[in-house]
């Protein structure tokens, strides 16, 4: 099983300097590269300081000049916000500028907050259909001339300009949860990225079962890869572990508030949650974080990850976004590289 880093700029208060946050993001990525991680992933989000990433390809091109070995992935671009010709061309140019290191992750998106601002009136179902139209169009544009009469995008004979460096284009990853999305990804020859939400190892097993069922349904196709994305913290003591569960619980409460899209926002920041509101959340608790995420000391982290490797996961993405200080993120990542990864070599 390969290991990668999943990271964004996180701004949780107006006092934080954005340029410093970006330099901290770069430093975490540099540590991942020098530590032998396989890839770095960063996503696309708009108008949300919670995850600052308006165009991940800009970040990846910059990272290509600051790193040597890691693959560089969009985790993920939001399909409804892209025209297929534009995505094919920008991804191909990014592939050139990163010396063929690009991995292109695509999703339908998750935040109604973003839909309302960039695609008013669009629902999640339509976003999924747009993704299903986008993926084959991008692959066809990379191959050569392609004309399309689609539900969302129609255009005369066109090709990607430029063409990507990698033969057949960068590997495409599709974010999948339900059986239909797994089947779509496998049928299109795409890799799959899964993110369990709040049901722990049982959900991680279920997501692999859906992937395996999709692979069996399309047994004539080469088996793609599957990546597990999960918040991770490697603690140095029991007290450090407990602190991390509390910090990640706060992070998830804010994630839930952004997702529900009912709370006031201003200057890209959500109205603060009180300690009482966090304590009253119906299912996010520090104990749930310890159960459902990988928050443990190194030996226990290794044990958990060995289980995911045995299930068949090809890649494990260490999701470092957490609302923690840079120093705490850095220390956890360094412990992961020094004390966890060697057990898988």
C-alpha atoms as a PDB file:
ATOM      1  CA  UNK A   1       0.000   0.000   0.000  1.00  0.00           C
ATOM      2  CA  UNK A   2       1.330   3.406  -0.999  1.00  0.00           C
ATOM      3  CA  UNK A   3       1.024   6.516   1.157  1.00  0.00           C
ATOM      4  CA  UNK A   4       0.151  10.048   0.118  1.00  0.00           C
ATOM      5  CA  UNK A   5      -0.588  13.412   1.707  1.00  0.00           C
ATOM      6  CA  UNK A   6      -3.926  15.204   1.285  1.00  0.00           C
ATOM      7  CA  UNK A   7      -3.740  18.879   2.266  1.00  0.00           C
ATOM      8  CA  UNK A   8      -5.186  22.362   1.785  1.00  0.00           C
ATOM      9  CA  UNK A   9      -4.548  25.819   3.131  1.00  0.00           C
ATOM     10  CA  UNK A  10      -6.752  26.159   6.205  1.00  0.00           C
ATOM     11  CA  UNK A  11      -7.690  29.601   7.494  1.00  0.00           C
ATOM     12  CA  UNK A  12      -9.839  29.545  10.604  1.00  0.00           C
ATOM     13  CA  UNK A  13      -9.461  33.142  11.801  1.00  0.00           C
ATOM     14  CA  UNK A  14      -8.971  36.549  10.134  1.00  0.00           C
ATOM     15  CA  UNK A  15      -5.708  37.011  12.032  1.00  0.00           C
ATOM     16  CA  UNK A  16      -3.971  34.275  10.034  1.00  0.00           C
ATOM     17  CA  UNK A  17      -1.750  35.506   7.215  1.00  0.00           C
ATOM     18  CA  UNK A  18      -2.611  33.793   3.928  1.00  0.00           C
ATOM     19  CA  UNK A  19       0.941  33.887   2.552  1.00  0.00           C
ATOM     20  CA  UNK A  20       2.233  32.229   5.716  1.00  0.00           C
ATOM     21  CA  UNK A  21      -0.470  29.556   5.447  1.00  0.00           C
ATOM     22  CA  UNK A  22       0.628  28.808   1.900  1.00  0.00           C
ATOM     23  CA  UNK A  23       4.260  28.507   2.942  1.00  0.00           C
ATOM     24  CA  UNK A  24       3.208  26.091   5.691  1.00  0.00           C
ATOM     25  CA  UNK A  25       1.257  24.065   3.121  1.00  0.00           C
ATOM     26  CA  UNK A  26       4.375  23.935   0.940  1.00  0.00           C
ATOM     27  CA  UNK A  27       6.513  22.844   3.891  1.00  0.00           C
ATOM     28  CA  UNK A  28       4.198  19.917   4.666  1.00  0.00           C
ATOM     29  CA  UNK A  29       4.349  18.881   1.010  1.00  0.00           C
ATOM     30  CA  UNK A  30       8.146  19.123   1.021  1.00  0.00           C
ATOM     31  CA  UNK A  31       8.289  16.851   4.076  1.00  0.00           C
ATOM     32  CA  UNK A  32       6.038  14.344   2.304  1.00  0.00           C
ATOM     33  CA  UNK A  33       8.249  14.356  -0.787  1.00  0.00           C
ATOM     34  CA  UNK A  34      11.513  14.015   1.097  1.00  0.00           C
ATOM     35  CA  UNK A  35       9.978  11.367   3.339  1.00  0.00           C
ATOM     36  CA  UNK A  36       9.182   9.067   0.427  1.00  0.00           C
ATOM     37  CA  UNK A  37       5.433   9.505   0.149  1.00  0.00           C
ATOM     38  CA  UNK A  38       3.917   8.531  -3.184  1.00  0.00           C
ATOM     39  CA  UNK A  39       1.722  11.565  -3.941  1.00  0.00           C
ATOM     40  CA  UNK A  40       0.336  14.892  -2.781  1.00  0.00           C
ATOM     41  CA  UNK A  41      -3.364  15.672  -3.288  1.00  0.00           C
ATOM     42  CA  UNK A  42      -5.106  19.031  -3.024  1.00  0.00           C
ATOM     43  CA  UNK A  43      -8.657  19.903  -3.980  1.00  0.00           C
ATOM     44  CA  UNK A  44     -10.837  22.618  -5.457  1.00  0.00           C
ATOM     45  CA  UNK A  45     -12.976  24.869  -3.269  1.00  0.00           C
ATOM     46  CA  UNK A  46     -14.352  28.366  -3.667  1.00  0.00           C
ATOM     47  CA  UNK A  47     -15.032  31.242  -1.251  1.00  0.00           C
ATOM     48  CA  UNK A  48     -14.384  29.046   1.804  1.00  0.00           C
ATOM     49  CA  UNK A  49     -11.440  29.831   4.072  1.00  0.00           C
ATOM     50  CA  UNK A  50     -12.076  26.396   5.629  1.00  0.00           C
ATOM     51  CA  UNK A  51     -10.302  24.911   2.574  1.00  0.00           C
ATOM     52  CA  UNK A  52      -8.585  27.488   0.371  1.00  0.00           C
ATOM     53  CA  UNK A  53      -8.025  25.933  -3.066  1.00  0.00           C
ATOM     54  CA  UNK A  54      -9.590  27.894  -5.952  1.00  0.00           C
ATOM     55  CA  UNK A  55      -7.524  26.112  -8.615  1.00  0.00           C
ATOM     56  CA  UNK A  56      -5.486  23.097  -7.475  1.00  0.00           C
ATOM     57  CA  UNK A  57      -3.501  23.017 -10.709  1.00  0.00           C
ATOM     58  CA  UNK A  58      -1.801  26.285  -9.764  1.00  0.00           C
ATOM     59  CA  UNK A  59      -0.667  24.707  -6.506  1.00  0.00           C
ATOM     60  CA  UNK A  60       0.521  21.546  -8.248  1.00  0.00           C
ATOM     61  CA  UNK A  61       2.591  23.438 -10.815  1.00  0.00           C
ATOM     62  CA  UNK A  62       4.255  25.331  -7.959  1.00  0.00           C
ATOM     63  CA  UNK A  63       4.808  22.085  -6.056  1.00  0.00           C
ATOM     64  CA  UNK A  64       6.436  20.530  -9.129  1.00  0.00           C
ATOM     65  CA  UNK A  65       9.238  23.078  -8.799  1.00  0.00           C
ATOM     66  CA  UNK A  66       9.624  22.497  -5.062  1.00  0.00           C
ATOM     67  CA  UNK A  67       9.505  18.672  -4.987  1.00  0.00           C
ATOM     68  CA  UNK A  68      11.344  15.892  -6.813  1.00  0.00           C
ATOM     69  CA  UNK A  69       9.515  12.591  -6.721  1.00  0.00           C
ATOM     70  CA  UNK A  70       5.895  12.765  -5.561  1.00  0.00           C
ATOM     71  CA  UNK A  71       2.981  12.393  -7.924  1.00  0.00           C
ATOM     72  CA  UNK A  72       0.791  15.519  -7.881  1.00  0.00           C
ATOM     73  CA  UNK A  73      -2.966  15.051  -7.738  1.00  0.00           C
ATOM     74  CA  UNK A  74      -6.156  17.071  -7.799  1.00  0.00           C
ATOM     75  CA  UNK A  75      -8.175  15.740  -4.927  1.00  0.00           C
ATOM     76  CA  UNK A  76     -10.551  16.721  -6.485  1.00  0.00           C
ATOM     77  CA  UNK A  77     -11.671  19.165  -9.168  1.00  0.00           C
ATOM     78  CA  UNK A  78     -15.426  19.792  -9.016  1.00  0.00           C
ATOM     79  CA  UNK A  79     -16.906  18.534 -12.288  1.00  0.00           C
ATOM     80  CA  UNK A  80     -19.855  20.961 -12.673  1.00  0.00           C
ATOM     81  CA  UNK A  81     -17.503  23.953 -12.554  1.00  0.00           C
ATOM     82  CA  UNK A  82     -15.523  22.816 -15.614  1.00  0.00           C
ATOM     83  CA  UNK A  83     -16.144  22.749 -19.361  1.00  0.00           C
ATOM     84  CA  UNK A  84     -14.596  19.549 -20.777  1.00  0.00           C
ATOM     85  CA  UNK A  85     -12.429  21.417 -23.310  1.00  0.00           C
ATOM     86  CA  UNK A  86     -11.085  23.685 -20.594  1.00  0.00           C
ATOM     87  CA  UNK A  87     -10.397  20.837 -18.163  1.00  0.00           C
ATOM     88  CA  UNK A  88      -8.703  18.696 -20.828  1.00  0.00           C
ATOM     89  CA  UNK A  89      -6.437  21.569 -21.880  1.00  0.00           C
ATOM     90  CA  UNK A  90      -5.560  22.838 -18.404  1.00  0.00           C
ATOM     91  CA  UNK A  91      -4.876  19.325 -17.119  1.00  0.00           C
ATOM     92  CA  UNK A  92      -2.685  18.594 -20.147  1.00  0.00           C
ATOM     93  CA  UNK A  93      -0.713  21.808 -19.636  1.00  0.00           C
ATOM     94  CA  UNK A  94      -0.326  20.944 -15.950  1.00  0.00           C
ATOM     95  CA  UNK A  95       0.941  17.508 -16.958  1.00  0.00           C
ATOM     96  CA  UNK A  96       3.593  19.169 -19.123  1.00  0.00           C
ATOM     97  CA  UNK A  97       4.618  21.626 -16.401  1.00  0.00           C
ATOM     98  CA  UNK A  98       4.838  18.862 -13.769  1.00  0.00           C
ATOM     99  CA  UNK A  99       6.919  16.594 -16.041  1.00  0.00           C
ATOM    100  CA  UNK A 100       4.171  14.003 -16.320  1.00  0.00           C
ATOM    101  CA  UNK A 101       3.442  13.736 -12.584  1.00  0.00           C
ATOM    102  CA  UNK A 102      -0.246  14.754 -12.692  1.00  0.00           C
ATOM    103  CA  UNK A 103      -3.068  12.598 -11.308  1.00  0.00           C
ATOM    104  CA  UNK A 104      -6.521  14.029 -12.100  1.00  0.00           C
ATOM    105  CA  UNK A 105      -9.133  13.451  -9.391  1.00  0.00           C
ATOM    106  CA  UNK A 106     -12.708  14.448 -10.288  1.00  0.00           C
ATOM    107  CA  UNK A 107     -15.834  14.632  -8.104  1.00  0.00           C
ATOM    108  CA  UNK A 108     -19.349  15.980  -8.312  1.00  0.00           C
ATOM    109  CA  UNK A 109     -18.673  18.298  -5.336  1.00  0.00           C
ATOM    110  CA  UNK A 110     -20.139  18.296  -1.867  1.00  0.00           C
ATOM    111  CA  UNK A 111     -20.971  21.825  -0.715  1.00  0.00           C
ATOM    112  CA  UNK A 112     -24.315  23.463  -1.495  1.00  0.00           C
ATOM    113  CA  UNK A 113     -22.573  26.696  -0.476  1.00  0.00           C
ATOM    114  CA  UNK A 114     -20.418  26.428  -3.612  1.00  0.00           C
ATOM    115  CA  UNK A 115     -23.226  25.261  -5.893  1.00  0.00           C
ATOM    116  CA  UNK A 116     -25.322  28.298  -4.926  1.00  0.00           C
ATOM    117  CA  UNK A 117     -22.543  30.668  -5.930  1.00  0.00           C
ATOM    118  CA  UNK A 118     -21.121  29.041  -9.060  1.00  0.00           C
ATOM    119  CA  UNK A 119     -24.081  27.007 -10.381  1.00  0.00           C
ATOM    120  CA  UNK A 120     -27.268  28.466  -8.845  1.00  0.00           C
ATOM    121  CA  UNK A 121     -30.154  26.025  -8.794  1.00  0.00           C
ATOM    122  CA  UNK A 122     -28.035  22.929  -9.407  1.00  0.00           C
ATOM    123  CA  UNK A 123     -28.730  19.911  -7.195  1.00  0.00           C
ATOM    124  CA  UNK A 124     -26.383  17.060  -6.313  1.00  0.00           C
ATOM    125  CA  UNK A 125     -28.046  14.694  -8.821  1.00  0.00           C
ATOM    126  CA  UNK A 126     -27.321  17.058 -11.719  1.00  0.00           C
ATOM    127  CA  UNK A 127     -23.767  17.539 -10.464  1.00  0.00           C
ATOM    128  CA  UNK A 128     -23.281  13.775 -10.642  1.00  0.00           C
ATOM    129  CA  UNK A 129     -24.668  13.634 -14.179  1.00  0.00           C
ATOM    130  CA  UNK A 130     -22.332  16.428 -15.217  1.00  0.00           C
ATOM    131  CA  UNK A 131     -19.400  14.399 -13.886  1.00  0.00           C
ATOM    132  CA  UNK A 132     -20.551  11.365 -15.872  1.00  0.00           C
ATOM    133  CA  UNK A 133     -20.570  13.457 -19.050  1.00  0.00           C
ATOM    134  CA  UNK A 134     -17.290  15.225 -18.287  1.00  0.00           C
ATOM    135  CA  UNK A 135     -15.000  12.241 -17.684  1.00  0.00           C
ATOM    136  CA  UNK A 136     -15.394  10.452 -21.055  1.00  0.00           C
ATOM    137  CA  UNK A 137     -15.277  13.796 -22.859  1.00  0.00           C
ATOM    138  CA  UNK A 138     -11.913  14.710 -21.312  1.00  0.00           C
ATOM    139  CA  UNK A 139     -10.481  11.297 -22.167  1.00  0.00           C
ATOM    140  CA  UNK A 140     -11.718  11.612 -25.761  1.00  0.00           C
ATOM    141  CA  UNK A 141     -10.270  15.110 -26.137  1.00  0.00           C
ATOM    142  CA  UNK A 142      -6.868  13.844 -24.985  1.00  0.00           C
ATOM    143  CA  UNK A 143      -6.963  11.126 -27.657  1.00  0.00           C
ATOM    144  CA  UNK A 144      -7.646  13.490 -30.548  1.00  0.00           C
ATOM    145  CA  UNK A 145     -10.574  15.027 -32.402  1.00  0.00           C
ATOM    146  CA  UNK A 146     -13.862  14.739 -30.517  1.00  0.00           C
ATOM    147  CA  UNK A 147     -17.268  16.244 -31.238  1.00  0.00           C
ATOM    148  CA  UNK A 148     -20.057  16.126 -28.657  1.00  0.00           C
ATOM    149  CA  UNK A 149     -23.796  16.553 -28.433  1.00  0.00           C
ATOM    150  CA  UNK A 150     -24.316  16.257 -24.707  1.00  0.00           C
ATOM    151  CA  UNK A 151     -26.932  17.129 -22.130  1.00  0.00           C
ATOM    152  CA  UNK A 152     -24.698  19.822 -20.638  1.00  0.00           C
ATOM    153  CA  UNK A 153     -21.974  20.555 -23.209  1.00  0.00           C
ATOM    154  CA  UNK A 154     -22.068  20.375 -27.000  1.00  0.00           C
ATOM    155  CA  UNK A 155     -19.270  21.396 -29.346  1.00  0.00           C
ATOM    156  CA  UNK A 156     -17.921  20.652 -32.838  1.00  0.00           C
ATOM    157  CA  UNK A 157     -14.803  18.600 -33.549  1.00  0.00           C
ATOM    158  CA  UNK A 158     -12.153  19.640 -31.037  1.00  0.00           C
ATOM    159  CA  UNK A 159      -8.967  18.295 -29.490  1.00  0.00           C
ATOM    160  CA  UNK A 160      -7.107  19.073 -26.304  1.00  0.00           C
ATOM    161  CA  UNK A 161      -4.507  21.758 -26.814  1.00  0.00           C
ATOM    162  CA  UNK A 162      -1.904  20.960 -25.630  1.00  0.00           C
ATOM    163  CA  UNK A 163      -1.752  17.173 -25.391  1.00  0.00           C
ATOM    164  CA  UNK A 164      -0.645  15.659 -22.065  1.00  0.00           C
ATOM    165  CA  UNK A 165       2.809  14.149 -21.596  1.00  0.00           C
ATOM    166  CA  UNK A 166       1.592  10.850 -20.159  1.00  0.00           C
ATOM    167  CA  UNK A 167       0.416   8.271 -22.702  1.00  0.00           C
ATOM    168  CA  UNK A 168      -3.406   8.298 -22.784  1.00  0.00           C
ATOM    169  CA  UNK A 169      -3.325  11.256 -20.402  1.00  0.00           C
ATOM    170  CA  UNK A 170      -2.955  11.516 -16.622  1.00  0.00           C
ATOM    171  CA  UNK A 171      -4.650   8.771 -14.586  1.00  0.00           C
ATOM    172  CA  UNK A 172      -8.191   9.836 -13.680  1.00  0.00           C
ATOM    173  CA  UNK A 173      -9.602   9.185 -10.211  1.00  0.00           C
ATOM    174  CA  UNK A 174     -13.331   9.386  -9.496  1.00  0.00           C
ATOM    175  CA  UNK A 175     -14.624  10.105  -5.997  1.00  0.00           C
ATOM    176  CA  UNK A 176     -17.179   7.348  -5.358  1.00  0.00           C
ATOM    177  CA  UNK A 177     -19.580   6.360  -2.600  1.00  0.00           C
ATOM    178  CA  UNK A 178     -22.685   4.620  -3.952  1.00  0.00           C
ATOM    179  CA  UNK A 179     -22.596   1.483  -6.161  1.00  0.00           C
ATOM    180  CA  UNK A 180     -23.484   3.456  -9.306  1.00  0.00           C
ATOM    181  CA  UNK A 181     -20.489   5.788  -8.933  1.00  0.00           C
ATOM    182  CA  UNK A 182     -18.159   2.824  -8.376  1.00  0.00           C
ATOM    183  CA  UNK A 183     -19.562   1.150 -11.488  1.00  0.00           C
ATOM    184  CA  UNK A 184     -19.195   4.347 -13.513  1.00  0.00           C
ATOM    185  CA  UNK A 185     -15.539   4.716 -12.506  1.00  0.00           C
ATOM    186  CA  UNK A 186     -14.625   1.096 -13.246  1.00  0.00           C
ATOM    187  CA  UNK A 187     -16.509   1.095 -16.558  1.00  0.00           C
ATOM    188  CA  UNK A 188     -14.575   4.205 -17.636  1.00  0.00           C
ATOM    189  CA  UNK A 189     -11.193   2.768 -16.682  1.00  0.00           C
ATOM    190  CA  UNK A 190     -10.807   5.275 -13.831  1.00  0.00           C
ATOM    191  CA  UNK A 191      -9.284   4.757 -10.418  1.00  0.00           C
ATOM    192  CA  UNK A 192     -11.499   5.250  -7.364  1.00  0.00           C
ATOM    193  CA  UNK A 193     -11.065   7.498  -4.319  1.00  0.00           C
ATOM    194  CA  UNK A 194     -13.259   6.831  -1.292  1.00  0.00           C
ATOM    195  CA  UNK A 195     -13.789   8.911   1.828  1.00  0.00           C
ATOM    196  CA  UNK A 196     -15.612   7.332   4.793  1.00  0.00           C
ATOM    197  CA  UNK A 197     -17.613   9.876   6.744  1.00  0.00           C
ATOM    198  CA  UNK A 198     -18.675   8.754  10.211  1.00  0.00           C
ATOM    199  CA  UNK A 199     -19.143   4.988  10.436  1.00  0.00           C
ATOM    200  CA  UNK A 200     -15.581   3.863  10.992  1.00  0.00           C
ATOM    201  CA  UNK A 201     -14.038   0.624   9.799  1.00  0.00           C
ATOM    202  CA  UNK A 202     -17.423  -0.867   8.904  1.00  0.00           C
ATOM    203  CA  UNK A 203     -17.902   1.841   6.287  1.00  0.00           C
ATOM    204  CA  UNK A 204     -14.354   1.353   5.008  1.00  0.00           C
ATOM    205  CA  UNK A 205     -15.134  -2.337   4.447  1.00  0.00           C
ATOM    206  CA  UNK A 206     -18.459  -1.502   2.759  1.00  0.00           C
ATOM    207  CA  UNK A 207     -16.776   0.916   0.362  1.00  0.00           C
ATOM    208  CA  UNK A 208     -14.283  -1.780  -0.641  1.00  0.00           C
ATOM    209  CA  UNK A 209     -17.153  -4.243  -1.113  1.00  0.00           C
ATOM    210  CA  UNK A 210     -18.864  -1.808  -3.512  1.00  0.00           C
ATOM    211  CA  UNK A 211     -15.625  -1.409  -5.435  1.00  0.00           C
ATOM    212  CA  UNK A 212     -15.092  -5.167  -5.667  1.00  0.00           C
ATOM    213  CA  UNK A 213     -18.665  -5.668  -6.867  1.00  0.00           C
ATOM    214  CA  UNK A 214     -18.145  -3.050  -9.574  1.00  0.00           C
ATOM    215  CA  UNK A 215     -14.909  -4.739 -10.663  1.00  0.00           C
ATOM    216  CA  UNK A 216     -16.735  -8.087 -10.850  1.00  0.00           C
ATOM    217  CA  UNK A 217     -19.513  -6.540 -12.949  1.00  0.00           C
ATOM    218  CA  UNK A 218     -16.931  -5.223 -15.417  1.00  0.00           C
ATOM    219  CA  UNK A 219     -14.577  -8.177 -15.215  1.00  0.00           C
ATOM    220  CA  UNK A 220     -13.473  -7.626 -18.821  1.00  0.00           C
ATOM    221  CA  UNK A 221     -11.858  -4.312 -17.816  1.00  0.00           C
ATOM    222  CA  UNK A 222      -8.473  -3.988 -16.098  1.00  0.00           C
ATOM    223  CA  UNK A 223      -8.912  -3.633 -12.344  1.00  0.00           C
ATOM    224  CA  UNK A 224      -8.289   0.028 -11.402  1.00  0.00           C
ATOM    225  CA  UNK A 225      -6.687   1.278  -8.199  1.00  0.00           C
ATOM    226  CA  UNK A 226      -8.576   2.357  -5.093  1.00  0.00           C
ATOM    227  CA  UNK A 227      -7.426   4.982  -2.594  1.00  0.00           C
ATOM    228  CA  UNK A 228      -8.676   5.499   0.957  1.00  0.00           C
ATOM    229  CA  UNK A 229      -8.730   9.102   2.204  1.00  0.00           C
ATOM    230  CA  UNK A 230      -8.927   9.434   5.974  1.00  0.00           C
ATOM    231  CA  UNK A 231      -8.060  12.003   8.616  1.00  0.00           C
ATOM    232  CA  UNK A 232      -4.954  10.821  10.403  1.00  0.00           C
ATOM    233  CA  UNK A 233      -3.019  11.922  13.468  1.00  0.00           C
ATOM    234  CA  UNK A 234       0.000  10.071  14.875  1.00  0.00           C
ATOM    235  CA  UNK A 235       0.197  10.857  18.585  1.00  0.00           C
ATOM    236  CA  UNK A 236       3.274  10.766  20.803  1.00  0.00           C
ATOM    237  CA  UNK A 237       1.389  10.008  24.015  1.00  0.00           C
ATOM    238  CA  UNK A 238      -2.041   9.236  25.422  1.00  0.00           C
ATOM    239  CA  UNK A 239      -2.506  12.892  26.342  1.00  0.00           C
ATOM    240  CA  UNK A 240      -1.547  13.991  22.830  1.00  0.00           C
ATOM    241  CA  UNK A 241      -4.014  11.486  21.393  1.00  0.00           C
ATOM    242  CA  UNK A 242      -6.840  12.855  23.540  1.00  0.00           C
ATOM    243  CA  UNK A 243      -6.039  16.419  22.473  1.00  0.00           C
ATOM    244  CA  UNK A 244      -6.120  15.371  18.810  1.00  0.00           C
ATOM    245  CA  UNK A 245      -9.564  13.774  19.168  1.00  0.00           C
ATOM    246  CA  UNK A 246     -10.889  17.040  20.601  1.00  0.00           C
ATOM    247  CA  UNK A 247      -9.302  19.110  17.825  1.00  0.00           C
ATOM    248  CA  UNK A 248     -10.616  16.875  15.063  1.00  0.00           C
ATOM    249  CA  UNK A 249     -14.051  16.806  16.665  1.00  0.00           C
ATOM    250  CA  UNK A 250     -14.125  20.602  16.466  1.00  0.00           C
ATOM    251  CA  UNK A 251     -12.958  20.403  12.829  1.00  0.00           C
ATOM    252  CA  UNK A 252     -15.770  17.982  11.948  1.00  0.00           C
ATOM    253  CA  UNK A 253     -18.372  20.146  13.648  1.00  0.00           C
ATOM    254  CA  UNK A 254     -17.284  23.023  11.415  1.00  0.00           C
ATOM    255  CA  UNK A 255     -17.286  20.710   8.391  1.00  0.00           C
ATOM    256  CA  UNK A 256     -20.834  19.698   9.239  1.00  0.00           C
ATOM    257  CA  UNK A 257     -21.879  23.338   9.558  1.00  0.00           C
ATOM    258  CA  UNK A 258     -20.393  24.187   6.148  1.00  0.00           C
ATOM    259  CA  UNK A 259     -22.068  21.120   4.661  1.00  0.00           C
ATOM    260  CA  UNK A 260     -25.500  21.971   6.092  1.00  0.00           C
ATOM    261  CA  UNK A 261     -25.134  25.518   4.704  1.00  0.00           C
ATOM    262  CA  UNK A 262     -27.402  27.133   7.294  1.00  0.00           C
ATOM    263  CA  UNK A 263     -24.917  29.193   9.282  1.00  0.00           C
ATOM    264  CA  UNK A 264     -23.938  32.799   8.580  1.00  0.00           C
ATOM    265  CA  UNK A 265     -20.612  33.334   6.825  1.00  0.00           C
ATOM    266  CA  UNK A 266     -18.588  36.509   6.423  1.00  0.00           C
ATOM    267  CA  UNK A 267     -15.282  37.144   4.645  1.00  0.00           C
ATOM    268  CA  UNK A 268     -14.992  33.440   3.868  1.00  0.00           C
ATOM    269  CA  UNK A 269     -15.311  32.419   7.533  1.00  0.00           C
ATOM    270  CA  UNK A 270     -18.243  30.676   9.177  1.00  0.00           C
ATOM    271  CA  UNK A 271     -19.845  32.138  12.292  1.00  0.00           C
ATOM    272  CA  UNK A 272     -17.980  30.584  15.262  1.00  0.00           C
ATOM    273  CA  UNK A 273     -19.452  27.553  16.978  1.00  0.00           C
ATOM    274  CA  UNK A 274     -19.693  27.745  20.745  1.00  0.00           C
ATOM    275  CA  UNK A 275     -18.331  25.023  23.007  1.00  0.00           C
ATOM    276  CA  UNK A 276     -21.949  24.231  23.901  1.00  0.00           C
ATOM    277  CA  UNK A 277     -22.901  23.749  20.255  1.00  0.00           C
ATOM    278  CA  UNK A 278     -19.933  21.465  19.678  1.00  0.00           C
ATOM    279  CA  UNK A 279     -20.739  19.414  22.781  1.00  0.00           C
ATOM    280  CA  UNK A 280     -24.371  19.086  21.652  1.00  0.00           C
ATOM    281  CA  UNK A 281     -23.609  17.651  18.185  1.00  0.00           C
ATOM    282  CA  UNK A 282     -25.774  14.547  17.663  1.00  0.00           C
ATOM    283  CA  UNK A 283     -23.002  12.203  16.497  1.00  0.00           C
ATOM    284  CA  UNK A 284     -19.613  13.992  16.396  1.00  0.00           C
ATOM    285  CA  UNK A 285     -17.729  13.455  19.665  1.00  0.00           C
ATOM    286  CA  UNK A 286     -14.053  13.019  20.570  1.00  0.00           C
ATOM    287  CA  UNK A 287     -14.708   9.317  21.224  1.00  0.00           C
ATOM    288  CA  UNK A 288     -16.285   8.966  17.785  1.00  0.00           C
ATOM    289  CA  UNK A 289     -13.231  10.609  16.225  1.00  0.00           C
ATOM    290  CA  UNK A 290     -10.926   8.065  17.863  1.00  0.00           C
ATOM    291  CA  UNK A 291     -13.169   5.221  16.701  1.00  0.00           C
ATOM    292  CA  UNK A 292     -13.827   6.358  13.128  1.00  0.00           C
ATOM    293  CA  UNK A 293     -10.563   8.090  12.161  1.00  0.00           C
ATOM    294  CA  UNK A 294      -6.938   7.020  12.486  1.00  0.00           C
ATOM    295  CA  UNK A 295      -5.907   8.885  15.636  1.00  0.00           C
ATOM    296  CA  UNK A 296      -3.466   6.765  17.597  1.00  0.00           C
ATOM    297  CA  UNK A 297       0.106   6.173  18.619  1.00  0.00           C
ATOM    298  CA  UNK A 298       2.362   4.621  15.943  1.00  0.00           C
ATOM    299  CA  UNK A 299       1.860   0.927  16.766  1.00  0.00           C
ATOM    300  CA  UNK A 300      -1.913   1.287  16.690  1.00  0.00           C
ATOM    301  CA  UNK A 301      -1.740   3.311  13.462  1.00  0.00           C
ATOM    302  CA  UNK A 302       0.262   0.512  11.847  1.00  0.00           C
ATOM    303  CA  UNK A 303      -2.264  -2.071  13.004  1.00  0.00           C
ATOM    304  CA  UNK A 304      -5.190  -0.098  11.551  1.00  0.00           C
ATOM    305  CA  UNK A 305      -3.446   0.495   8.237  1.00  0.00           C
ATOM    306  CA  UNK A 306      -2.383  -3.139   7.898  1.00  0.00           C
ATOM    307  CA  UNK A 307      -6.086  -3.953   8.060  1.00  0.00           C
ATOM    308  CA  UNK A 308      -6.855  -1.550   5.195  1.00  0.00           C
ATOM    309  CA  UNK A 309      -4.002  -3.009   3.173  1.00  0.00           C
ATOM    310  CA  UNK A 310      -5.426  -6.487   3.725  1.00  0.00           C
ATOM    311  CA  UNK A 311      -8.822  -5.301   2.458  1.00  0.00           C
ATOM    312  CA  UNK A 312      -7.148  -4.388  -0.835  1.00  0.00           C
ATOM    313  CA  UNK A 313      -6.610  -0.638  -0.691  1.00  0.00           C
ATOM    314  CA  UNK A 314      -3.783   0.399  -3.026  1.00  0.00           C
ATOM    315  CA  UNK A 315      -3.161   3.830  -1.544  1.00  0.00           C
ATOM    316  CA  UNK A 316      -3.787   5.483   1.808  1.00  0.00           C
ATOM    317  CA  UNK A 317      -4.080   9.276   1.819  1.00  0.00           C
ATOM    318  CA  UNK A 318      -3.077  10.920   5.100  1.00  0.00           C
ATOM    319  CA  UNK A 319      -5.649  13.734   5.352  1.00  0.00           C
ATOM    320  CA  UNK A 320      -3.889  16.382   7.417  1.00  0.00           C
ATOM    321  CA  UNK A 321      -6.534  19.171   7.433  1.00  0.00           C
ATOM    322  CA  UNK A 322      -7.638  19.411  11.034  1.00  0.00           C
ATOM    323  CA  UNK A 323      -7.686  22.982  12.326  1.00  0.00           C
ATOM    324  CA  UNK A 324      -4.543  22.133  14.293  1.00  0.00           C
ATOM    325  CA  UNK A 325      -1.499  24.362  14.427  1.00  0.00           C
ATOM    326  CA  UNK A 326       1.159  23.914  11.763  1.00  0.00           C
ATOM    327  CA  UNK A 327       3.566  22.624  14.414  1.00  0.00           C
ATOM    328  CA  UNK A 328       1.167  19.844  15.439  1.00  0.00           C
ATOM    329  CA  UNK A 329       0.455  18.843  11.841  1.00  0.00           C
ATOM    330  CA  UNK A 330       4.173  18.765  11.060  1.00  0.00           C
ATOM    331  CA  UNK A 331       5.030  16.647  14.105  1.00  0.00           C
ATOM    332  CA  UNK A 332       2.294  14.119  13.285  1.00  0.00           C
ATOM    333  CA  UNK A 333       3.374  13.844   9.657  1.00  0.00           C
ATOM    334  CA  UNK A 334       7.016  13.377  10.631  1.00  0.00           C
ATOM    335  CA  UNK A 335       6.051  10.617  13.082  1.00  0.00           C
ATOM    336  CA  UNK A 336       3.998   8.939  10.332  1.00  0.00           C
ATOM    337  CA  UNK A 337       6.966   8.977   7.943  1.00  0.00           C
ATOM    338  CA  UNK A 338       9.547   7.887  10.538  1.00  0.00           C
ATOM    339  CA  UNK A 339       7.552   5.372  12.602  1.00  0.00           C
ATOM    340  CA  UNK A 340       4.637   4.097  10.493  1.00  0.00           C
ATOM    341  CA  UNK A 341       5.690   3.943   6.843  1.00  0.00           C
ATOM    342  CA  UNK A 342       8.759   1.716   7.444  1.00  0.00           C
ATOM    343  CA  UNK A 343       6.416  -1.074   8.571  1.00  0.00           C
ATOM    344  CA  UNK A 344       5.079  -1.254   4.995  1.00  0.00           C
ATOM    345  CA  UNK A 345       8.388  -1.395   3.149  1.00  0.00           C
END
